[in-house]
PDB file of N, CA and C in Angstrom:
ATOM      1  N   MET A   1      10.120 -21.881   8.962  1.00  0.00           N
ATOM      2  CA  MET A   1       9.720 -22.451  10.245  1.00  0.00           C
ATOM      3  C   MET A   1       8.789 -23.613  10.006  1.00  0.00           C
ATOM      4  N   SER A   2       8.991 -24.675  10.642  1.00  0.00           N
ATOM      5  CA  SER A   2       8.176 -25.907  10.536  1.00  0.00           C
ATOM      6  C   SER A   2       6.888 -25.740  11.304  1.00  0.00           C
ATOM      7  N   THR A   3       5.838 -26.405  10.838  1.00  0.00           N
ATOM      8  CA  THR A   3       4.578 -26.378  11.567  1.00  0.00           C
ATOM      9  C   THR A   3       4.530 -27.405  12.672  1.00  0.00           C
ATOM     10  N   ARG A   4       5.502 -28.313  12.685  1.00  0.00           N
ATOM     11  CA  ARG A   4       5.571 -29.325  13.739  1.00  0.00           C
ATOM     12  C   ARG A   4       6.247 -28.762  14.971  1.00  0.00           C
ATOM     13  N   LYS A   5       5.834 -29.311  16.112  1.00  0.00           N
ATOM     14  CA  LYS A   5       6.484 -28.901  17.357  1.00  0.00           C
ATOM     15  C   LYS A   5       7.887 -29.519  17.404  1.00  0.00           C
ATOM     16  N   GLN A   6       8.804 -28.719  17.866  1.00  0.00           N
ATOM     17  CA  GLN A   6      10.147 -29.256  18.063  1.00  0.00           C
ATOM     18  C   GLN A   6      10.271 -29.602  19.533  1.00  0.00           C
ATOM     19  N   ALA A   7      11.018 -30.630  19.828  1.00  0.00           N
ATOM     20  CA  ALA A   7      11.175 -31.128  21.196  1.00  0.00           C
ATOM     21  C   ALA A   7      11.602 -29.977  22.139  1.00  0.00           C
ATOM     22  N   GLY A   8      10.820 -29.817  23.224  1.00  0.00           N
ATOM     23  CA  GLY A   8      11.182 -28.850  24.244  1.00  0.00           C
ATOM     24  C   GLY A   8      10.954 -27.410  23.853  1.00  0.00           C
ATOM     25  N   ARG A   9      10.223 -27.136  22.769  1.00  0.00           N
ATOM     26  CA  ARG A   9      10.044 -25.787  22.329  1.00  0.00           C
ATOM     27  C   ARG A   9       8.564 -25.516  22.013  1.00  0.00           C
ATOM     28  N   ARG A  10       8.063 -24.391  22.485  1.00  0.00           N
ATOM     29  CA  ARG A  10       6.663 -24.053  22.200  1.00  0.00           C
ATOM     30  C   ARG A  10       6.541 -23.607  20.747  1.00  0.00           C
ATOM     31  N   PRO A  11       5.461 -23.944  20.092  1.00  0.00           N
ATOM     32  CA  PRO A  11       5.281 -23.458  18.723  1.00  0.00           C
ATOM     33  C   PRO A  11       5.048 -21.955  18.735  1.00  0.00           C
ATOM     34  N   ARG A  12       5.577 -21.240  17.754  1.00  0.00           N
ATOM     35  CA  ARG A  12       5.385 -19.824  17.661  1.00  0.00           C
ATOM     36  C   ARG A  12       4.305 -19.507  16.665  1.00  0.00           C
ATOM     37  N   ARG A  13       3.520 -18.505  16.955  1.00  0.00           N
ATOM     38  CA  ARG A  13       2.495 -18.055  16.043  1.00  0.00           C
ATOM     39  C   ARG A  13       3.112 -17.047  15.100  1.00  0.00           C
ATOM     40  N   TRP A  14       2.577 -16.974  13.880  1.00  0.00           N
ATOM     41  CA  TRP A  14       3.109 -16.047  12.894  1.00  0.00           C
ATOM     42  C   TRP A  14       3.037 -14.636  13.406  1.00  0.00           C
ATOM     43  N   SER A  15       1.968 -14.305  14.151  1.00  0.00           N
ATOM     44  CA  SER A  15       1.837 -12.935  14.622  1.00  0.00           C
ATOM     45  C   SER A  15       2.870 -12.596  15.695  1.00  0.00           C
ATOM     46  N   GLN A  16       3.221 -13.584  16.497  1.00  0.00           N
ATOM     47  CA  GLN A  16       4.274 -13.371  17.494  1.00  0.00           C
ATOM     48  C   GLN A  16       5.586 -13.091  16.799  1.00  0.00           C
ATOM     49  N   GLU A  17       5.852 -13.859  15.747  1.00  0.00           N
ATOM     50  CA  GLU A  17       7.103 -13.645  15.007  1.00  0.00           C
ATOM     51  C   GLU A  17       7.142 -12.276  14.362  1.00  0.00           C
ATOM     52  N   VAL A  18       6.006 -11.863  13.787  1.00  0.00           N
ATOM     53  CA  VAL A  18       5.931 -10.529  13.165  1.00  0.00           C
ATOM     54  C   VAL A  18       6.203  -9.457  14.214  1.00  0.00           C
ATOM     55  N   THR A  19       5.541  -9.589  15.348  1.00  0.00           N
ATOM     56  CA  THR A  19       5.675  -8.616  16.410  1.00  0.00           C
ATOM     57  C   THR A  19       7.137  -8.499  16.895  1.00  0.00           C
ATOM     58  N   GLU A  20       7.789  -9.640  17.038  1.00  0.00           N
ATOM     59  CA  GLU A  20       9.141  -9.678  17.578  1.00  0.00           C
ATOM     60  C   GLU A  20      10.217  -9.335  16.564  1.00  0.00           C
ATOM     61  N   THR A  21       9.995  -9.619  15.289  1.00  0.00           N
ATOM     62  CA  THR A  21      11.068  -9.472  14.323  1.00  0.00           C
ATOM     63  C   THR A  21      10.844  -8.403  13.267  1.00  0.00           C
ATOM     64  N   SER A  22       9.640  -7.861  13.179  1.00  0.00           N
ATOM     65  CA  SER A  22       9.349  -6.863  12.142  1.00  0.00           C
ATOM     66  C   SER A  22      10.112  -5.571  12.423  1.00  0.00           C
ATOM     67  N   HIS A  23      10.674  -5.013  11.375  1.00  0.00           N
ATOM     68  CA  HIS A  23      11.353  -3.750  11.499  1.00  0.00           C
ATOM     69  C   HIS A  23      10.627  -2.682  10.666  1.00  0.00           C
ATOM     70  N   ALA A  24       9.342  -2.952  10.392  1.00  0.00           N
ATOM     71  CA  ALA A  24       8.568  -2.054   9.555  1.00  0.00           C
ATOM     72  C   ALA A  24       8.423  -0.681  10.225  1.00  0.00           C
ATOM     73  N   MET A  25       8.176  -0.678  11.503  1.00  0.00           N
ATOM     74  CA  MET A  25       8.016   0.585  12.229  1.00  0.00           C
ATOM     75  C   MET A  25       8.466   0.420  13.674  1.00  0.00           C
ATOM     76  N   ASP A  26       9.172   1.385  14.156  1.00  0.00           N
ATOM     77  CA  ASP A  26       9.522   1.422  15.589  1.00  0.00           C
ATOM     78  C   ASP A  26       8.432   2.240  16.267  1.00  0.00           C
ATOM     79  N   LEU A  27       7.573   1.569  17.014  1.00  0.00           N
ATOM     80  CA  LEU A  27       6.455   2.227  17.665  1.00  0.00           C
ATOM     81  C   LEU A  27       6.851   2.745  19.028  1.00  0.00           C
ATOM     82  N   GLU A  28       6.220   3.856  19.429  1.00  0.00           N
ATOM     83  CA  GLU A  28       6.418   4.406  20.758  1.00  0.00           C
ATOM     84  C   GLU A  28       5.910   3.364  21.759  1.00  0.00           C
ATOM     85  N   ARG A  29       6.637   3.147  22.802  1.00  0.00           N
ATOM     86  CA  ARG A  29       6.265   2.153  23.813  1.00  0.00           C
ATOM     87  C   ARG A  29       4.924   2.518  24.424  1.00  0.00           C
ATOM     88  N   GLY A  30       4.011   1.551  24.450  1.00  0.00           N
ATOM     89  CA  GLY A  30       2.690   1.749  25.059  1.00  0.00           C
ATOM     90  C   GLY A  30       1.723   2.560  24.212  1.00  0.00           C
ATOM     91  N   VAL A  31       2.028   2.736  22.928  1.00  0.00           N
ATOM     92  CA  VAL A  31       1.187   3.560  22.066  1.00  0.00           C
ATOM     93  C   VAL A  31      -0.259   3.133  22.068  1.00  0.00           C
ATOM     94  N   PHE A  32      -0.528   1.847  22.092  1.00  0.00           N
ATOM     95  CA  PHE A  32      -1.904   1.362  22.005  1.00  0.00           C
ATOM     96  C   PHE A  32      -2.638   1.369  23.348  1.00  0.00           C
ATOM     97  N   SER A  33      -1.942   1.660  24.418  1.00  0.00           N
ATOM     98  CA  SER A  33      -2.604   1.649  25.724  1.00  0.00           C
ATOM     99  C   SER A  33      -3.080   3.035  26.167  1.00  0.00           C
ATOM    100  N   GLY A  34      -2.848   4.048  25.356  1.00  0.00           N
ATOM    101  CA  GLY A  34      -3.289   5.395  25.712  1.00  0.00           C
ATOM    102  C   GLY A  34      -4.806   5.553  25.642  1.00  0.00           C
ATOM    103  N   ASP A  35      -5.297   6.606  26.275  1.00  0.00           N
ATOM    104  CA  ASP A  35      -6.747   6.867  26.263  1.00  0.00           C
ATOM    105  C   ASP A  35      -7.177   7.932  25.276  1.00  0.00           C
ATOM    106  N   ASP A  36      -6.222   8.615  24.662  1.00  0.00           N
ATOM    107  CA  ASP A  36      -6.527   9.704  23.727  1.00  0.00           C
ATOM    108  C   ASP A  36      -6.343   9.237  22.301  1.00  0.00           C
ATOM    109  N   PRO A  37      -7.459   9.048  21.554  1.00  0.00           N
ATOM    110  CA  PRO A  37      -7.353   8.558  20.153  1.00  0.00           C
ATOM    111  C   PRO A  37      -6.457   9.441  19.267  1.00  0.00           C
ATOM    112  N   ARG A  38      -6.520  10.756  19.497  1.00  0.00           N
ATOM    113  CA  ARG A  38      -5.717  11.681  18.665  1.00  0.00           C
ATOM    114  C   ARG A  38      -4.224  11.447  18.936  1.00  0.00           C
ATOM    115  N   ARG A  39      -3.866  11.250  20.192  1.00  0.00           N
ATOM    116  CA  ARG A  39      -2.453  11.026  20.560  1.00  0.00           C
ATOM    117  C   ARG A  39      -1.966   9.704  19.965  1.00  0.00           C
ATOM    118  N   ILE A  40      -2.780   8.681  20.023  1.00  0.00           N
ATOM    119  CA  ILE A  40      -2.437   7.406  19.420  1.00  0.00           C
ATOM    120  C   ILE A  40      -2.188   7.583  17.919  1.00  0.00           C
ATOM    121  N   ALA A  41      -3.085   8.269  17.263  1.00  0.00           N
ATOM    122  CA  ALA A  41      -2.976   8.504  15.810  1.00  0.00           C
ATOM    123  C   ALA A  41      -1.717   9.308  15.484  1.00  0.00           C
ATOM    124  N   ARG A  42      -1.454  10.362  16.270  1.00  0.00           N
ATOM    125  CA  ARG A  42      -0.254  11.172  15.992  1.00  0.00           C
ATOM    126  C   ARG A  42       1.008  10.351  16.206  1.00  0.00           C
ATOM    127  N   SER A  43       1.027   9.492  17.185  1.00  0.00           N
ATOM    128  CA  SER A  43       2.214   8.661  17.454  1.00  0.00           C
ATOM    129  C   SER A  43       2.414   7.678  16.294  1.00  0.00           C
ATOM    130  N   LEU A  44       1.334   7.055  15.835  1.00  0.00           N
ATOM    131  CA  LEU A  44       1.454   6.126  14.689  1.00  0.00           C
ATOM    132  C   LEU A  44       1.900   6.849  13.439  1.00  0.00           C
ATOM    133  N   LYS A  45       1.379   8.049  13.230  1.00  0.00           N
ATOM    134  CA  LYS A  45       1.782   8.837  12.043  1.00  0.00           C
ATOM    135  C   LYS A  45       3.274   9.153  12.120  1.00  0.00           C
ATOM    136  N   HIS A  46       3.708   9.596  13.282  1.00  0.00           N
ATOM    137  CA  HIS A  46       5.136   9.917  13.438  1.00  0.00           C
ATOM    138  C   HIS A  46       6.002   8.700  13.181  1.00  0.00           C
ATOM    139  N   SER A  47       5.620   7.558  13.752  1.00  0.00           N
ATOM    140  CA  SER A  47       6.417   6.324  13.564  1.00  0.00           C
ATOM    141  C   SER A  47       6.444   5.916  12.086  1.00  0.00           C
ATOM    142  N   ALA A  48       5.311   6.025  11.419  1.00  0.00           N
ATOM    143  CA  ALA A  48       5.228   5.606  10.011  1.00  0.00           C
ATOM    144  C   ALA A  48       6.073   6.538   9.133  1.00  0.00           C
ATOM    145  N   GLU A  49       6.032   7.826   9.404  1.00  0.00           N
ATOM    146  CA  GLU A  49       6.799   8.748   8.589  1.00  0.00           C
ATOM    147  C   GLU A  49       8.294   8.677   8.871  1.00  0.00           C
ATOM    148  N   ALA A  50       8.690   8.281  10.048  1.00  0.00           N
ATOM    149  CA  ALA A  50      10.088   8.178  10.425  1.00  0.00           C
ATOM    150  C   ALA A  50      10.725   6.860   9.952  1.00  0.00           C
ATOM    151  N   SER A  51       9.888   5.892   9.611  1.00  0.00           N
ATOM    152  CA  SER A  51      10.385   4.568   9.238  1.00  0.00           C
ATOM    153  C   SER A  51      11.006   4.599   7.836  1.00  0.00           C
ATOM    154  N   HIS A  52      12.162   3.941   7.699  1.00  0.00           N
ATOM    155  CA  HIS A  52      12.833   3.861   6.414  1.00  0.00           C
ATOM    156  C   HIS A  52      12.644   2.493   5.776  1.00  0.00           C
ATOM    157  N   SER A  53      12.013   1.576   6.499  1.00  0.00           N
ATOM    158  CA  SER A  53      11.888   0.222   5.961  1.00  0.00           C
ATOM    159  C   SER A  53      10.448  -0.193   5.684  1.00  0.00           C
ATOM    160  N   ARG A  54       9.543   0.760   5.673  1.00  0.00           N
ATOM    161  CA  ARG A  54       8.141   0.403   5.350  1.00  0.00           C
ATOM    162  C   ARG A  54       8.008   0.079   3.893  1.00  0.00           C
ATOM    163  N   LYS A  55       6.984  -0.717   3.576  1.00  0.00           N
ATOM    164  CA  LYS A  55       6.782  -1.165   2.184  1.00  0.00           C
ATOM    165  C   LYS A  55       5.667  -0.422   1.485  1.00  0.00           C
ATOM    166  N   SER A  56       4.910   0.395   2.210  1.00  0.00           N
ATOM    167  CA  SER A  56       3.832   1.174   1.603  1.00  0.00           C
ATOM    168  C   SER A  56       3.910   2.589   2.130  1.00  0.00           C
ATOM    169  N   ASP A  57       2.927   3.424   1.730  1.00  0.00           N
ATOM    170  CA  ASP A  57       2.929   4.813   2.152  1.00  0.00           C
ATOM    171  C   ASP A  57       2.677   4.891   3.669  1.00  0.00           C
ATOM    172  N   PRO A  58       3.049   6.028   4.301  1.00  0.00           N
ATOM    173  CA  PRO A  58       2.934   6.140   5.770  1.00  0.00           C
ATOM    174  C   PRO A  58       1.534   5.890   6.290  1.00  0.00           C
ATOM    175  N   PHE A  59       0.496   6.372   5.617  1.00  0.00           N
ATOM    176  CA  PHE A  59      -0.860   6.180   6.088  1.00  0.00           C
ATOM    177  C   PHE A  59      -1.184   4.689   6.168  1.00  0.00           C
ATOM    178  N   ARG A  60      -0.897   3.962   5.099  1.00  0.00           N
ATOM    179  CA  ARG A  60      -1.204   2.531   5.093  1.00  0.00           C
ATOM    180  C   ARG A  60      -0.401   1.785   6.147  1.00  0.00           C
ATOM    181  N   SER A  61       0.848   2.172   6.331  1.00  0.00           N
ATOM    182  CA  SER A  61       1.657   1.512   7.364  1.00  0.00           C
ATOM    183  C   SER A  61       1.088   1.740   8.762  1.00  0.00           C
ATOM    184  N   ALA A  62       0.738   2.963   9.051  1.00  0.00           N
ATOM    185  CA  ALA A  62       0.176   3.287  10.360  1.00  0.00           C
ATOM    186  C   ALA A  62      -1.158   2.576  10.594  1.00  0.00           C
ATOM    187  N   MET A  63      -2.018   2.604   9.574  1.00  0.00           N
ATOM    188  CA  MET A  63      -3.316   1.952   9.714  1.00  0.00           C
ATOM    189  C   MET A  63      -3.152   0.436   9.848  1.00  0.00           C
ATOM    190  N   SER A  64      -2.204  -0.120   9.144  1.00  0.00           N
ATOM    191  CA  SER A  64      -1.926  -1.563   9.218  1.00  0.00           C
ATOM    192  C   SER A  64      -1.502  -1.961  10.624  1.00  0.00           C
ATOM    193  N   MET A  65      -0.638  -1.186  11.243  1.00  0.00           N
ATOM    194  CA  MET A  65      -0.188  -1.491  12.583  1.00  0.00           C
ATOM    195  C   MET A  65      -1.359  -1.418  13.590  1.00  0.00           C
ATOM    196  N   LEU A  66      -2.228  -0.444  13.414  1.00  0.00           N
ATOM    197  CA  LEU A  66      -3.382  -0.309  14.301  1.00  0.00           C
ATOM    198  C   LEU A  66      -4.327  -1.493  14.090  1.00  0.00           C
ATOM    199  N   ASN A  67      -4.594  -1.845  12.850  1.00  0.00           N
ATOM    200  CA  ASN A  67      -5.464  -3.005  12.573  1.00  0.00           C
ATOM    201  C   ASN A  67      -4.835  -4.319  13.067  1.00  0.00           C
ATOM    202  N   PHE A  68      -3.563  -4.452  12.910  1.00  0.00           N
ATOM    203  CA  PHE A  68      -2.855  -5.630  13.383  1.00  0.00           C
ATOM    204  C   PHE A  68      -3.062  -5.795  14.873  1.00  0.00           C
ATOM    205  N   TYR A  69      -2.889  -4.705  15.612  1.00  0.00           N
ATOM    206  CA  TYR A  69      -3.059  -4.747  17.064  1.00  0.00           C
ATOM    207  C   TYR A  69      -4.517  -5.107  17.417  1.00  0.00           C
ATOM    208  N   LEU A  70      -5.475  -4.436  16.770  1.00  0.00           N
ATOM    209  CA  LEU A  70      -6.888  -4.731  17.035  1.00  0.00           C
ATOM    210  C   LEU A  70      -7.234  -6.200  16.746  1.00  0.00           C
ATOM    211  N   ASN A  71      -6.768  -6.694  15.632  1.00  0.00           N
ATOM    212  CA  ASN A  71      -7.064  -8.081  15.251  1.00  0.00           C
ATOM    213  C   ASN A  71      -6.411  -9.080  16.174  1.00  0.00           C
ATOM    214  N   ARG A  72      -5.197  -8.791  16.610  1.00  0.00           N
ATOM    215  CA  ARG A  72      -4.502  -9.715  17.546  1.00  0.00           C
ATOM    216  C   ARG A  72      -5.190  -9.733  18.897  1.00  0.00           C
ATOM    217  N   ALA A  73      -5.685  -8.599  19.358  1.00  0.00           N
ATOM    218  CA  ALA A  73      -6.340  -8.560  20.660  1.00  0.00           C
ATOM    219  C   ALA A  73      -7.653  -9.322  20.629  1.00  0.00           C
ATOM    220  N   GLY A  74      -8.317  -9.279  19.485  1.00  0.00           N
ATOM    221  CA  GLY A  74      -9.565 -10.064  19.320  1.00  0.00           C
ATOM    222  C   GLY A  74     -10.610  -9.759  20.371  1.00  0.00           C
ATOM    223  N   ARG A  75     -11.262 -10.807  20.813  1.00  0.00           N
ATOM    224  CA  ARG A  75     -12.366 -10.652  21.767  1.00  0.00           C
ATOM    225  C   ARG A  75     -11.903 -10.304  23.164  1.00  0.00           C
ATOM    226  N   ARG A  76     -10.621 -10.468  23.439  1.00  0.00           N
ATOM    227  CA  ARG A  76     -10.133 -10.134  24.789  1.00  0.00           C
ATOM    228  C   ARG A  76     -10.095  -8.648  25.021  1.00  0.00           C
ATOM    229  N   LEU A  77     -10.148  -7.852  23.970  1.00  0.00           N
ATOM    230  CA  LEU A  77     -10.067  -6.402  24.086  1.00  0.00           C
ATOM    231  C   LEU A  77     -11.365  -5.832  24.658  1.00  0.00           C
ATOM    232  N   PRO A  78     -11.320  -5.145  25.788  1.00  0.00           N
ATOM    233  CA  PRO A  78     -12.537  -4.573  26.352  1.00  0.00           C
ATOM    234  C   PRO A  78     -13.219  -3.618  25.379  1.00  0.00           C
ATOM    235  N   ARG A  79     -14.506  -3.506  25.474  1.00  0.00           N
ATOM    236  CA  ARG A  79     -15.308  -2.693  24.564  1.00  0.00           C
ATOM    237  C   ARG A  79     -14.822  -1.237  24.524  1.00  0.00           C
ATOM    238  N   GLU A  80     -14.542  -0.647  25.666  1.00  0.00           N
ATOM    239  CA  GLU A  80     -14.092   0.760  25.708  1.00  0.00           C
ATOM    240  C   GLU A  80     -12.736   0.931  25.041  1.00  0.00           C
ATOM    241  N   ARG A  81     -11.848  -0.039  25.221  1.00  0.00           N
ATOM    242  CA  ARG A  81     -10.523   0.009  24.593  1.00  0.00           C
ATOM    243  C   ARG A  81     -10.670  -0.058  23.067  1.00  0.00           C
ATOM    244  N   ARG A  82     -11.534  -0.981  22.605  1.00  0.00           N
ATOM    245  CA  ARG A  82     -11.795  -1.126  21.161  1.00  0.00           C
ATOM    246  C   ARG A  82     -12.374   0.182  20.598  1.00  0.00           C
ATOM    247  N   ARG A  83     -13.274   0.814  21.363  1.00  0.00           N
ATOM    248  CA  ARG A  83     -13.867   2.063  20.945  1.00  0.00           C
ATOM    249  C   ARG A  83     -12.776   3.142  20.780  1.00  0.00           C
ATOM    250  N   THR A  84     -11.871   3.217  21.736  1.00  0.00           N
ATOM    251  CA  THR A  84     -10.785   4.196  21.676  1.00  0.00           C
ATOM    252  C   THR A  84      -9.888   3.942  20.462  1.00  0.00           C
ATOM    253  N   LEU A  85      -9.560   2.684  20.199  1.00  0.00           N
ATOM    254  CA  LEU A  85      -8.666   2.374  19.082  1.00  0.00           C
ATOM    255  C   LEU A  85      -9.367   2.587  17.727  1.00  0.00           C
ATOM    256  N   ASN A  86     -10.657   2.325  17.671  1.00  0.00           N
ATOM    257  CA  ASN A  86     -11.394   2.601  16.442  1.00  0.00           C
ATOM    258  C   ASN A  86     -11.500   4.104  16.218  1.00  0.00           C
ATOM    259  N   ALA A  87     -11.611   4.871  17.292  1.00  0.00           N
ATOM    260  CA  ALA A  87     -11.612   6.345  17.175  1.00  0.00           C
ATOM    261  C   ALA A  87     -10.260   6.808  16.692  1.00  0.00           C
ATOM    262  N   ALA A  88      -9.188   6.108  17.066  1.00  0.00           N
ATOM    263  CA  ALA A  88      -7.824   6.442  16.606  1.00  0.00           C
ATOM    264  C   ALA A  88      -7.739   6.249  15.092  1.00  0.00           C
ATOM    265  N   LYS A  89      -8.439   5.264  14.554  1.00  0.00           N
ATOM    266  CA  LYS A  89      -8.471   5.078  13.103  1.00  0.00           C
ATOM    267  C   LYS A  89      -9.043   6.304  12.415  1.00  0.00           C
ATOM    268  N   ASP A  90     -10.133   6.819  12.977  1.00  0.00           N
ATOM    269  CA  ASP A  90     -10.764   8.008  12.414  1.00  0.00           C
ATOM    270  C   ASP A  90      -9.827   9.223  12.509  1.00  0.00           C
ATOM    271  N   GLU A  91      -9.131   9.339  13.636  1.00  0.00           N
ATOM    272  CA  GLU A  91      -8.169  10.437  13.802  1.00  0.00           C
ATOM    273  C   GLU A  91      -7.023  10.289  12.805  1.00  0.00           C
ATOM    274  N   LEU A  92      -6.548   9.084  12.591  1.00  0.00           N
ATOM    275  CA  LEU A  92      -5.479   8.834  11.624  1.00  0.00           C
ATOM    276  C   LEU A  92      -5.938   9.223  10.221  1.00  0.00           C
ATOM    277  N   ARG A  93      -7.154   8.850   9.871  1.00  0.00           N
ATOM    278  CA  ARG A  93      -7.704   9.259   8.555  1.00  0.00           C
ATOM    279  C   ARG A  93      -7.724  10.785   8.464  1.00  0.00           C
ATOM    280  N   ALA A  94      -8.155  11.462   9.522  1.00  0.00           N
ATOM    281  CA  ALA A  94      -8.235  12.924   9.518  1.00  0.00           C
ATOM    282  C   ALA A  94      -6.862  13.546   9.366  1.00  0.00           C
ATOM    283  N   LEU A  95      -5.863  12.994  10.053  1.00  0.00           N
ATOM    284  CA  LEU A  95      -4.497  13.524   9.954  1.00  0.00           C
ATOM    285  C   LEU A  95      -3.931  13.449   8.537  1.00  0.00           C
ATOM    286  N   TYR A  96      -4.370  12.427   7.823  1.00  0.00           N
ATOM    287  CA  TYR A  96      -3.878  12.234   6.439  1.00  0.00           C
ATOM    288  C   TYR A  96      -4.896  12.733   5.400  1.00  0.00           C
ATOM    289  N   GLY A  97      -5.979  13.333   5.851  1.00  0.00           N
ATOM    290  CA  GLY A  97      -6.984  13.848   4.922  1.00  0.00           C
ATOM    291  C   GLY A  97      -7.710  12.792   4.139  1.00  0.00           C
ATOM    292  N   LYS A  98      -7.885  11.634   4.739  1.00  0.00           N
ATOM    293  CA  LYS A  98      -8.596  10.503   4.097  1.00  0.00           C
ATOM    294  C   LYS A  98     -10.019  10.464   4.557  1.00  0.00           C
ATOM    295  N   PRO A  99     -10.965  10.170   3.646  1.00  0.00           N
ATOM    296  CA  PRO A  99     -12.388  10.092   4.077  1.00  0.00           C
ATOM    297  C   PRO A  99     -12.647   8.844   4.887  1.00  0.00           C
ATOM    298  N   ARG A 100     -13.669   8.926   5.725  1.00  0.00           N
ATOM    299  CA  ARG A 100     -14.087   7.760   6.484  1.00  0.00           C
ATOM    300  C   ARG A 100     -14.730   6.752   5.476  1.00  0.00           C
ATOM    301  N   GLN A 101     -14.362   5.498   5.629  1.00  0.00           N
ATOM    302  CA  GLN A 101     -14.786   4.511   4.614  1.00  0.00           C
ATOM    303  C   GLN A 101     -15.985   3.662   5.045  1.00  0.00           C
ATOM    304  N   ARG A 102     -16.349   3.729   6.290  1.00  0.00           N
ATOM    305  CA  ARG A 102     -17.450   2.890   6.754  1.00  0.00           C
ATOM    306  C   ARG A 102     -18.375   3.724   7.620  1.00  0.00           C
ATOM    307  N   PRO A 103     -19.659   3.339   7.663  1.00  0.00           N
ATOM    308  CA  PRO A 103     -20.561   4.080   8.535  1.00  0.00           C
ATOM    309  C   PRO A 103     -20.270   3.787   9.999  1.00  0.00           C
ATOM    310  N   PRO A 104     -20.655   4.691  10.907  1.00  0.00           N
ATOM    311  CA  PRO A 104     -20.395   4.433  12.326  1.00  0.00           C
ATOM    312  C   PRO A 104     -21.140   3.181  12.781  1.00  0.00           C
ATOM    313  N   PRO A 105     -20.576   2.435  13.782  1.00  0.00           N
ATOM    314  CA  PRO A 105     -21.223   1.233  14.250  1.00  0.00           C
ATOM    315  C   PRO A 105     -22.571   1.514  14.895  1.00  0.00           C
ATOM    316  N   LEU A 106     -23.492   0.557  14.765  1.00  0.00           N
ATOM    317  CA  LEU A 106     -24.789   0.702  15.405  1.00  0.00           C
ATOM    318  C   LEU A 106     -24.617   0.489  16.894  1.00  0.00           C
ATOM    319  N   HIS A 107     -25.354   1.241  17.661  1.00  0.00           N
ATOM    320  CA  HIS A 107     -25.275   1.078  19.127  1.00  0.00           C
ATOM    321  C   HIS A 107     -26.258  -0.026  19.569  1.00  0.00           C
ATOM    322  N   ARG A 108     -25.760  -0.937  20.307  1.00  0.00           N
ATOM    323  CA  ARG A 108     -26.607  -2.018  20.844  1.00  0.00           C
ATOM    324  C   ARG A 108     -27.239  -1.587  22.133  1.00  0.00           C
ATOM    325  N   THR A 109     -28.404  -2.064  22.377  1.00  0.00           N
ATOM    326  CA  THR A 109     -29.119  -1.670  23.608  1.00  0.00           C
ATOM    327  C   THR A 109     -28.944  -2.666  24.733  1.00  0.00           C
ATOM    328  N   HIS A 110     -28.280  -3.811  24.479  1.00  0.00           N
ATOM    329  CA  HIS A 110     -28.088  -4.779  25.558  1.00  0.00           C
ATOM    330  C   HIS A 110     -26.704  -4.828  26.032  1.00  0.00           C
TER     331      HIS A 110
END
């Protein structure tokens, strides 16, 4: 894909292309919009383990999809939503028996 704009066509971002064309995992519709971190983690685990085209182990694939979503949402993601999705990371680690790698975030007073 060229980095130049083509006449009459909007430029595509690499993340849009990945989202639209990646066959790494077939995710449950609306998986990232749920309110239950454990359910989100279980859904990602199921999708990762069912996938036949992933390039790494199921845990890494599931965590990568969750991080990809978080990174793409960026600052637009409301604080509570980000909290839920970060809790889903911890649930995913627990489902796979992986230790937590980072200390919990500091709570801000403002």
